[in-house]
Amino acid sequence: MEPNQFFNDMQNKVQQVLDSSPAKDIEKNVKAIMSQGFAKLDLVTREEFDIQTQVLAKTRAKLEALEVRIAELETQLGKP
């Protein structure tokens, strides 16, 4: 038997043992529990967070521009 074939067979057998072991079931259960917990926390994805950060930055820039414009108009009208 070639050394590569031996290692491939050994790897396949180890993988079969791991796939059928209780550890695989535990991993699935832990993932399911964590997913349920995260769903209850009402979290957002990084992509959603980044989009909202950009929207906030644009809104803040528009607000600052409007504040400057209002100050200019007030000056033109003679108000402090």
N, C-alpha and C. Protein backbone atom coordinates (compact mmCIF):
# COMPACT_ATOMS: atom_id res chain seq x y z
N MET A 1 0.84 -1.17 0.00
CA MET A 1 0.00 0.00 0.00
C MET A 1 0.89 1.24 0.00
N GLU A 2 0.55 2.21 -0.83
CA GLU A 2 1.34 3.43 -0.91
C GLU A 2 1.13 4.27 0.36
N PRO A 3 2.15 5.02 0.74
CA PRO A 3 2.01 5.86 1.93
C PRO A 3 0.86 6.87 1.81
N ASN A 4 0.70 7.46 0.64
CA ASN A 4 -0.38 8.43 0.45
C ASN A 4 -1.75 7.77 0.62
N GLN A 5 -1.88 6.58 0.08
CA GLN A 5 -3.15 5.86 0.19
C GLN A 5 -3.44 5.51 1.64
N PHE A 6 -2.41 5.11 2.36
CA PHE A 6 -2.56 4.78 3.77
C PHE A 6 -3.08 6.00 4.55
N PHE A 7 -2.44 7.14 4.33
CA PHE A 7 -2.85 8.36 5.04
C PHE A 7 -4.24 8.82 4.63
N ASN A 8 -4.57 8.67 3.35
CA ASN A 8 -5.91 9.02 2.89
C ASN A 8 -6.97 8.13 3.54
N ASP A 9 -6.68 6.83 3.59
CA ASP A 9 -7.61 5.91 4.24
C ASP A 9 -7.75 6.23 5.73
N MET A 10 -6.62 6.51 6.37
CA MET A 10 -6.64 6.84 7.80
C MET A 10 -7.44 8.12 8.02
N GLN A 11 -7.24 9.12 7.19
CA GLN A 11 -7.96 10.38 7.31
C GLN A 11 -9.47 10.15 7.13
N ASN A 12 -9.84 9.37 6.16
CA ASN A 12 -11.26 9.07 5.93
C ASN A 12 -11.88 8.36 7.13
N LYS A 13 -11.17 7.41 7.70
CA LYS A 13 -11.69 6.68 8.85
C LYS A 13 -11.83 7.59 10.07
N VAL A 14 -10.85 8.45 10.28
CA VAL A 14 -10.92 9.39 11.40
C VAL A 14 -12.09 10.34 11.19
N GLN A 15 -12.28 10.80 9.98
CA GLN A 15 -13.39 11.71 9.69
C GLN A 15 -14.73 11.02 9.92
N GLN A 16 -14.84 9.74 9.54
CA GLN A 16 -16.07 8.99 9.77
C GLN A 16 -16.36 8.87 11.26
N VAL A 17 -15.32 8.61 12.05
CA VAL A 17 -15.50 8.50 13.50
C VAL A 17 -15.95 9.83 14.08
N LEU A 18 -15.33 10.92 13.63
CA LEU A 18 -15.70 12.24 14.14
C LEU A 18 -17.12 12.61 13.73
N ASP A 19 -17.51 12.27 12.51
CA ASP A 19 -18.85 12.60 12.03
C ASP A 19 -19.93 11.85 12.81
N SER A 20 -19.61 10.65 13.26
CA SER A 20 -20.61 9.86 13.97
C SER A 20 -20.47 9.96 15.49
N SER A 21 -19.57 10.78 15.95
CA SER A 21 -19.35 10.88 17.40
C SER A 21 -20.35 11.83 18.03
N PRO A 22 -20.53 11.73 19.33
CA PRO A 22 -21.42 12.65 20.04
C PRO A 22 -20.94 14.09 19.98
N ALA A 23 -19.65 14.29 19.75
CA ALA A 23 -19.11 15.65 19.67
C ALA A 23 -19.78 16.42 18.55
N LYS A 24 -20.10 15.76 17.46
CA LYS A 24 -20.76 16.43 16.33
C LYS A 24 -22.16 16.89 16.74
N ASP A 25 -22.88 16.05 17.48
CA ASP A 25 -24.21 16.43 17.96
C ASP A 25 -24.12 17.59 18.95
N ILE A 26 -23.12 17.55 19.80
CA ILE A 26 -22.94 18.63 20.78
C ILE A 26 -22.67 19.95 20.04
N GLU A 27 -21.83 19.89 19.03
CA GLU A 27 -21.51 21.09 18.24
C GLU A 27 -22.78 21.66 17.61
N LYS A 28 -23.60 20.79 17.03
CA LYS A 28 -24.85 21.25 16.41
C LYS A 28 -25.77 21.88 17.44
N ASN A 29 -25.88 21.25 18.61
CA ASN A 29 -26.75 21.77 19.66
C ASN A 29 -26.26 23.12 20.19
N VAL A 30 -24.96 23.25 20.37
CA VAL A 30 -24.40 24.51 20.86
C VAL A 30 -24.64 25.62 19.83
N LYS A 31 -24.45 25.31 18.56
CA LYS A 31 -24.69 26.31 17.51
C LYS A 31 -26.16 26.73 17.50
N ALA A 32 -27.05 25.78 17.66
CA ALA A 32 -28.48 26.11 17.67
C ALA A 32 -28.84 26.98 18.87
N ILE A 33 -28.30 26.63 20.02
CA ILE A 33 -28.58 27.41 21.23
C ILE A 33 -28.02 28.83 21.09
N MET A 34 -26.82 28.95 20.55
CA MET A 34 -26.22 30.27 20.37
C MET A 34 -27.02 31.10 19.37
N SER A 35 -27.47 30.47 18.31
CA SER A 35 -28.26 31.19 17.30
C SER A 35 -29.56 31.71 17.92
N GLN A 36 -30.20 30.90 18.73
CA GLN A 36 -31.43 31.34 19.40
C GLN A 36 -31.14 32.49 20.37
N GLY A 37 -30.05 32.39 21.10
CA GLY A 37 -29.67 33.45 22.03
C GLY A 37 -29.38 34.75 21.32
N PHE A 38 -28.66 34.68 20.21
CA PHE A 38 -28.35 35.89 19.45
C PHE A 38 -29.61 36.48 18.84
N ALA A 39 -30.54 35.65 18.43
CA ALA A 39 -31.79 36.16 17.85
C ALA A 39 -32.58 36.94 18.90
N LYS A 40 -32.54 36.50 20.15
CA LYS A 40 -33.26 37.19 21.22
C LYS A 40 -32.61 38.53 21.57
N LEU A 41 -31.33 38.67 21.29
CA LEU A 41 -30.61 39.90 21.63
C LEU A 41 -30.87 41.03 20.64
N ASP A 42 -31.53 40.74 19.54
CA ASP A 42 -31.86 41.75 18.54
C ASP A 42 -30.60 42.45 18.04
N LEU A 43 -29.62 41.67 17.63
CA LEU A 43 -28.35 42.19 17.13
C LEU A 43 -28.46 42.54 15.65
N VAL A 44 -27.56 43.39 15.18
CA VAL A 44 -27.50 43.72 13.76
C VAL A 44 -26.20 43.19 13.19
N THR A 45 -26.20 43.00 11.89
CA THR A 45 -24.98 42.53 11.24
C THR A 45 -24.00 43.69 11.11
N ARG A 46 -22.77 43.37 10.86
CA ARG A 46 -21.74 44.40 10.67
C ARG A 46 -22.09 45.26 9.46
N GLU A 47 -22.61 44.63 8.41
CA GLU A 47 -22.99 45.37 7.20
C GLU A 47 -24.09 46.39 7.52
N GLU A 48 -25.11 45.98 8.27
CA GLU A 48 -26.18 46.90 8.65
C GLU A 48 -25.64 48.04 9.51
N PHE A 49 -24.73 47.71 10.41
CA PHE A 49 -24.13 48.73 11.27
C PHE A 49 -23.35 49.75 10.44
N ASP A 50 -22.56 49.26 9.50
CA ASP A 50 -21.77 50.15 8.65
C ASP A 50 -22.66 51.06 7.81
N ILE A 51 -23.75 50.52 7.29
CA ILE A 51 -24.68 51.32 6.50
C ILE A 51 -25.29 52.42 7.36
N GLN A 52 -25.72 52.08 8.55
CA GLN A 52 -26.32 53.08 9.43
C GLN A 52 -25.29 54.13 9.87
N THR A 53 -24.04 53.74 10.02
CA THR A 53 -22.98 54.69 10.34
C THR A 53 -22.82 55.70 9.22
N GLN A 54 -22.86 55.22 7.98
CA GLN A 54 -22.76 56.12 6.82
C GLN A 54 -23.96 57.05 6.74
N VAL A 55 -25.15 56.53 6.98
CA VAL A 55 -26.36 57.35 6.96
C VAL A 55 -26.26 58.43 8.03
N LEU A 56 -25.80 58.07 9.21
CA LEU A 56 -25.66 59.03 10.30
C LEU A 56 -24.64 60.12 9.94
N ALA A 57 -23.54 59.75 9.33
CA ALA A 57 -22.52 60.73 8.95
C ALA A 57 -23.08 61.72 7.93
N LYS A 58 -23.83 61.20 6.94
CA LYS A 58 -24.44 62.09 5.94
C LYS A 58 -25.46 63.01 6.59
N THR A 59 -26.26 62.48 7.49
CA THR A 59 -27.27 63.28 8.18
C THR A 59 -26.61 64.36 9.03
N ARG A 60 -25.55 64.01 9.70
CA ARG A 60 -24.83 64.98 10.53
C ARG A 60 -24.24 66.11 9.66
N ALA A 61 -23.70 65.75 8.50
CA ALA A 61 -23.14 66.76 7.59
C ALA A 61 -24.24 67.70 7.09
N LYS A 62 -25.40 67.14 6.75
CA LYS A 62 -26.52 67.97 6.29
C LYS A 62 -27.00 68.89 7.41
N LEU A 63 -27.07 68.39 8.63
CA LEU A 63 -27.49 69.20 9.77
C LEU A 63 -26.53 70.37 9.99
N GLU A 64 -25.24 70.09 9.92
CA GLU A 64 -24.26 71.15 10.09
C GLU A 64 -24.39 72.21 9.00
N ALA A 65 -24.62 71.78 7.76
CA ALA A 65 -24.80 72.73 6.66
C ALA A 65 -26.05 73.57 6.87
N LEU A 66 -27.12 72.95 7.35
CA LEU A 66 -28.36 73.70 7.62
C LEU A 66 -28.16 74.69 8.76
N GLU A 67 -27.41 74.31 9.78
CA GLU A 67 -27.14 75.23 10.88
C GLU A 67 -26.38 76.46 10.39
N VAL A 68 -25.41 76.23 9.52
CA VAL A 68 -24.66 77.35 8.94
C VAL A 68 -25.59 78.23 8.11
N ARG A 69 -26.43 77.62 7.32
CA ARG A 69 -27.36 78.37 6.46
C ARG A 69 -28.35 79.18 7.31
N ILE A 70 -28.86 78.60 8.37
CA ILE A 70 -29.78 79.33 9.26
C ILE A 70 -29.08 80.52 9.90
N ALA A 71 -27.84 80.32 10.33
CA ALA A 71 -27.07 81.42 10.91
C ALA A 71 -26.88 82.55 9.90
N GLU A 72 -26.62 82.20 8.64
CA GLU A 72 -26.47 83.21 7.58
C GLU A 72 -27.78 83.97 7.36
N LEU A 73 -28.88 83.24 7.31
CA LEU A 73 -30.18 83.88 7.10
C LEU A 73 -30.55 84.78 8.27
N GLU A 74 -30.26 84.33 9.49
CA GLU A 74 -30.54 85.15 10.65
C GLU A 74 -29.71 86.43 10.62
N THR A 75 -28.47 86.32 10.18
CA THR A 75 -27.62 87.50 10.08
C THR A 75 -28.18 88.46 9.05
N GLN A 76 -28.66 87.94 7.93
CA GLN A 76 -29.24 88.79 6.89
C GLN A 76 -30.52 89.49 7.38
N LEU A 77 -31.25 88.83 8.24
CA LEU A 77 -32.49 89.40 8.77
C LEU A 77 -32.24 90.30 9.96
N GLY A 78 -31.01 90.34 10.44
CA GLY A 78 -30.67 91.20 11.56
C GLY A 78 -30.92 90.59 12.91
N LYS A 79 -31.11 89.28 12.97
CA LYS A 79 -31.31 88.60 14.24
C LYS A 79 -29.98 88.05 14.73
N PRO A 80 -29.80 88.00 16.04
CA PRO A 80 -28.53 87.46 16.57
C PRO A 80 -28.40 85.97 16.39
